[in-house]
Amino acid sequence: MSEVSKELDASGLNCPMPILRAKKALKDMNSGEVLRIIATDPGTVKDFPAFAKQTGNELLESSEEGGSYIYRLQKA
């Protein structure tokens, strides 16, 4: 499992905010670094895989824990 370089808490934010915040966070990261995102919007379940595909970043994890959605994105 890749080490998390940065964590983003997007709890309470509705789409497209979690994606926009993730995009901004990834901009400041180096290739290969991992961003862990915590979101509460169920819409992110579809949005993050699409975002990863669109941007070329790799979605390493997509899981749900007690009403929160956890994602790990590796910067391309």
N, C-alpha and C. Protein backbone atom coordinates (compact mmCIF):
# COMPACT_ATOMS: atom_id res chain seq x y z
N MET A 1 0.84 -1.19 0.00
CA MET A 1 0.00 0.00 0.00
C MET A 1 0.89 1.25 0.00
N SER A 2 0.60 2.16 -0.89
CA SER A 2 1.38 3.38 -1.01
C SER A 2 1.11 4.30 0.18
N GLU A 3 2.16 4.96 0.60
CA GLU A 3 2.05 5.88 1.73
C GLU A 3 1.29 7.14 1.30
N VAL A 4 0.45 7.62 2.18
CA VAL A 4 -0.34 8.82 1.89
C VAL A 4 0.54 10.05 2.09
N SER A 5 0.59 10.90 1.07
CA SER A 5 1.41 12.11 1.13
C SER A 5 0.62 13.30 1.67
N LYS A 6 -0.67 13.30 1.38
CA LYS A 6 -1.52 14.43 1.77
C LYS A 6 -2.92 13.91 2.03
N GLU A 7 -3.59 14.53 3.00
CA GLU A 7 -4.96 14.12 3.30
C GLU A 7 -5.90 15.31 3.10
N LEU A 8 -7.06 15.02 2.52
CA LEU A 8 -8.06 16.04 2.25
C LEU A 8 -9.38 15.62 2.88
N ASP A 9 -9.88 16.45 3.78
CA ASP A 9 -11.18 16.16 4.39
C ASP A 9 -12.25 17.00 3.70
N ALA A 10 -13.04 16.34 2.87
CA ALA A 10 -14.10 17.03 2.13
C ALA A 10 -15.47 16.68 2.72
N SER A 11 -15.50 16.28 3.98
CA SER A 11 -16.75 15.93 4.66
C SER A 11 -17.69 17.13 4.67
N GLY A 12 -18.96 16.87 4.41
CA GLY A 12 -19.95 17.94 4.44
C GLY A 12 -20.03 18.74 3.16
N LEU A 13 -19.11 18.51 2.23
CA LEU A 13 -19.13 19.25 0.97
C LEU A 13 -19.89 18.44 -0.08
N ASN A 14 -20.69 19.14 -0.87
CA ASN A 14 -21.42 18.48 -1.95
C ASN A 14 -20.69 18.70 -3.27
N CYS A 15 -20.93 17.78 -4.19
CA CYS A 15 -20.29 17.88 -5.51
C CYS A 15 -20.67 19.20 -6.16
N PRO A 16 -19.76 19.82 -6.86
CA PRO A 16 -18.45 19.30 -7.27
C PRO A 16 -17.30 19.65 -6.33
N MET A 17 -17.59 20.16 -5.14
CA MET A 17 -16.53 20.65 -4.25
C MET A 17 -15.46 19.60 -3.90
N PRO A 18 -15.82 18.36 -3.53
CA PRO A 18 -14.75 17.39 -3.21
C PRO A 18 -13.80 17.17 -4.38
N ILE A 19 -14.32 17.15 -5.60
CA ILE A 19 -13.49 16.97 -6.80
C ILE A 19 -12.61 18.19 -7.01
N LEU A 20 -13.18 19.37 -6.87
CA LEU A 20 -12.41 20.60 -7.06
C LEU A 20 -11.29 20.72 -6.03
N ARG A 21 -11.60 20.36 -4.79
CA ARG A 21 -10.57 20.40 -3.73
C ARG A 21 -9.46 19.39 -4.01
N ALA A 22 -9.86 18.20 -4.49
CA ALA A 22 -8.88 17.15 -4.81
C ALA A 22 -7.99 17.61 -5.96
N LYS A 23 -8.60 18.23 -6.95
CA LYS A 23 -7.86 18.72 -8.11
C LYS A 23 -6.80 19.74 -7.66
N LYS A 24 -7.21 20.65 -6.78
CA LYS A 24 -6.32 21.69 -6.25
C LYS A 24 -5.18 21.05 -5.44
N ALA A 25 -5.51 20.07 -4.61
CA ALA A 25 -4.51 19.41 -3.78
C ALA A 25 -3.49 18.65 -4.64
N LEU A 26 -3.98 17.98 -5.68
CA LEU A 26 -3.11 17.21 -6.57
C LEU A 26 -2.14 18.11 -7.33
N LYS A 27 -2.57 19.34 -7.61
CA LYS A 27 -1.75 20.27 -8.37
C LYS A 27 -0.42 20.54 -7.65
N ASP A 28 -0.46 20.56 -6.31
CA ASP A 28 0.73 20.85 -5.51
C ASP A 28 1.55 19.60 -5.17
N MET A 29 1.15 18.45 -5.71
CA MET A 29 1.82 17.20 -5.37
C MET A 29 2.71 16.72 -6.52
N ASN A 30 3.67 15.87 -6.17
CA ASN A 30 4.56 15.29 -7.18
C ASN A 30 4.00 13.99 -7.72
N SER A 31 4.45 13.61 -8.89
CA SER A 31 4.04 12.37 -9.52
C SER A 31 4.35 11.19 -8.59
N GLY A 32 3.37 10.29 -8.44
CA GLY A 32 3.56 9.12 -7.59
C GLY A 32 3.09 9.31 -6.16
N GLU A 33 2.88 10.56 -5.76
CA GLU A 33 2.39 10.81 -4.39
C GLU A 33 0.91 10.45 -4.30
N VAL A 34 0.48 10.13 -3.07
CA VAL A 34 -0.89 9.66 -2.86
C VAL A 34 -1.69 10.66 -2.03
N LEU A 35 -2.88 10.97 -2.52
CA LEU A 35 -3.81 11.86 -1.84
C LEU A 35 -4.96 11.02 -1.29
N ARG A 36 -5.20 11.14 0.02
CA ARG A 36 -6.32 10.42 0.65
C ARG A 36 -7.44 11.43 0.86
N ILE A 37 -8.61 11.08 0.38
CA ILE A 37 -9.76 11.98 0.46
C ILE A 37 -10.87 11.34 1.28
N ILE A 38 -11.44 12.13 2.19
CA ILE A 38 -12.59 11.69 2.96
C ILE A 38 -13.76 12.57 2.53
N ALA A 39 -14.85 11.93 2.09
CA ALA A 39 -16.02 12.69 1.63
C ALA A 39 -17.28 12.06 2.21
N THR A 40 -18.34 12.86 2.28
CA THR A 40 -19.61 12.34 2.79
C THR A 40 -20.69 12.34 1.72
N ASP A 41 -20.42 12.97 0.58
CA ASP A 41 -21.39 13.05 -0.50
C ASP A 41 -21.40 11.73 -1.29
N PRO A 42 -22.55 11.01 -1.30
CA PRO A 42 -22.63 9.74 -2.03
C PRO A 42 -22.35 9.89 -3.53
N GLY A 43 -22.50 11.09 -4.05
CA GLY A 43 -22.21 11.35 -5.47
C GLY A 43 -20.75 11.13 -5.82
N THR A 44 -19.89 11.20 -4.81
CA THR A 44 -18.45 11.03 -5.07
C THR A 44 -18.11 9.60 -5.49
N VAL A 45 -18.99 8.65 -5.18
CA VAL A 45 -18.76 7.25 -5.55
C VAL A 45 -18.62 7.11 -7.07
N LYS A 46 -19.41 7.90 -7.81
CA LYS A 46 -19.29 7.89 -9.26
C LYS A 46 -18.28 8.92 -9.75
N ASP A 47 -18.20 10.04 -9.03
CA ASP A 47 -17.37 11.15 -9.48
C ASP A 47 -15.87 10.86 -9.44
N PHE A 48 -15.39 10.23 -8.36
CA PHE A 48 -13.95 10.03 -8.25
C PHE A 48 -13.38 9.05 -9.28
N PRO A 49 -14.05 7.91 -9.55
CA PRO A 49 -13.53 7.06 -10.63
C PRO A 49 -13.49 7.78 -11.98
N ALA A 50 -14.53 8.58 -12.26
CA ALA A 50 -14.59 9.34 -13.51
C ALA A 50 -13.48 10.40 -13.54
N PHE A 51 -13.28 11.07 -12.41
CA PHE A 51 -12.24 12.10 -12.29
C PHE A 51 -10.86 11.48 -12.53
N ALA A 52 -10.62 10.32 -11.93
CA ALA A 52 -9.32 9.64 -12.07
C ALA A 52 -9.08 9.28 -13.54
N LYS A 53 -10.11 8.75 -14.18
CA LYS A 53 -10.00 8.34 -15.57
C LYS A 53 -9.72 9.55 -16.47
N GLN A 54 -10.42 10.62 -16.20
CA GLN A 54 -10.32 11.85 -16.98
C GLN A 54 -8.94 12.52 -16.83
N THR A 55 -8.38 12.45 -15.63
CA THR A 55 -7.13 13.16 -15.36
C THR A 55 -5.89 12.27 -15.48
N GLY A 56 -6.10 10.96 -15.61
CA GLY A 56 -4.96 10.06 -15.73
C GLY A 56 -4.34 9.67 -14.40
N ASN A 57 -4.94 10.15 -13.30
CA ASN A 57 -4.47 9.76 -11.97
C ASN A 57 -5.07 8.39 -11.64
N GLU A 58 -4.40 7.63 -10.78
CA GLU A 58 -4.89 6.29 -10.47
C GLU A 58 -5.67 6.26 -9.17
N LEU A 59 -6.87 5.70 -9.23
CA LEU A 59 -7.69 5.54 -8.03
C LEU A 59 -7.28 4.22 -7.38
N LEU A 60 -6.55 4.31 -6.28
CA LEU A 60 -6.02 3.13 -5.60
C LEU A 60 -7.04 2.49 -4.67
N GLU A 61 -7.91 3.33 -4.11
CA GLU A 61 -8.88 2.82 -3.13
C GLU A 61 -10.16 3.62 -3.23
N SER A 62 -11.26 2.92 -3.03
CA SER A 62 -12.57 3.55 -2.94
C SER A 62 -13.35 2.68 -1.97
N SER A 63 -13.60 3.21 -0.77
CA SER A 63 -14.31 2.41 0.23
C SER A 63 -15.24 3.30 1.05
N GLU A 64 -16.09 2.64 1.82
CA GLU A 64 -17.03 3.38 2.67
C GLU A 64 -16.84 2.93 4.11
N GLU A 65 -16.76 3.90 5.00
CA GLU A 65 -16.63 3.61 6.43
C GLU A 65 -17.60 4.49 7.20
N GLY A 66 -18.62 3.89 7.74
CA GLY A 66 -19.57 4.62 8.59
C GLY A 66 -20.12 5.90 8.01
N GLY A 67 -20.56 5.85 6.76
CA GLY A 67 -21.16 7.03 6.15
C GLY A 67 -20.17 7.97 5.48
N SER A 68 -18.87 7.67 5.61
CA SER A 68 -17.85 8.45 4.91
C SER A 68 -17.27 7.61 3.79
N TYR A 69 -16.89 8.28 2.74
CA TYR A 69 -16.28 7.61 1.60
C TYR A 69 -14.80 7.96 1.58
N ILE A 70 -13.98 6.93 1.48
CA ILE A 70 -12.54 7.11 1.50
C ILE A 70 -11.98 6.78 0.13
N TYR A 71 -11.16 7.70 -0.38
CA TYR A 71 -10.52 7.50 -1.69
C TYR A 71 -9.02 7.72 -1.54
N ARG A 72 -8.27 6.96 -2.29
CA ARG A 72 -6.83 7.22 -2.38
C ARG A 72 -6.47 7.34 -3.85
N LEU A 73 -5.99 8.52 -4.21
CA LEU A 73 -5.62 8.82 -5.58
C LEU A 73 -4.11 8.97 -5.68
N GLN A 74 -3.52 8.31 -6.67
CA GLN A 74 -2.09 8.46 -6.90
C GLN A 74 -1.89 9.39 -8.09
N LYS A 75 -1.11 10.43 -7.87
CA LYS A 75 -0.90 11.40 -8.93
C LYS A 75 -0.08 10.78 -10.06
N ALA A 76 -0.54 11.05 -11.28
CA ALA A 76 0.13 10.51 -12.47
C ALA A 76 1.48 11.18 -12.68
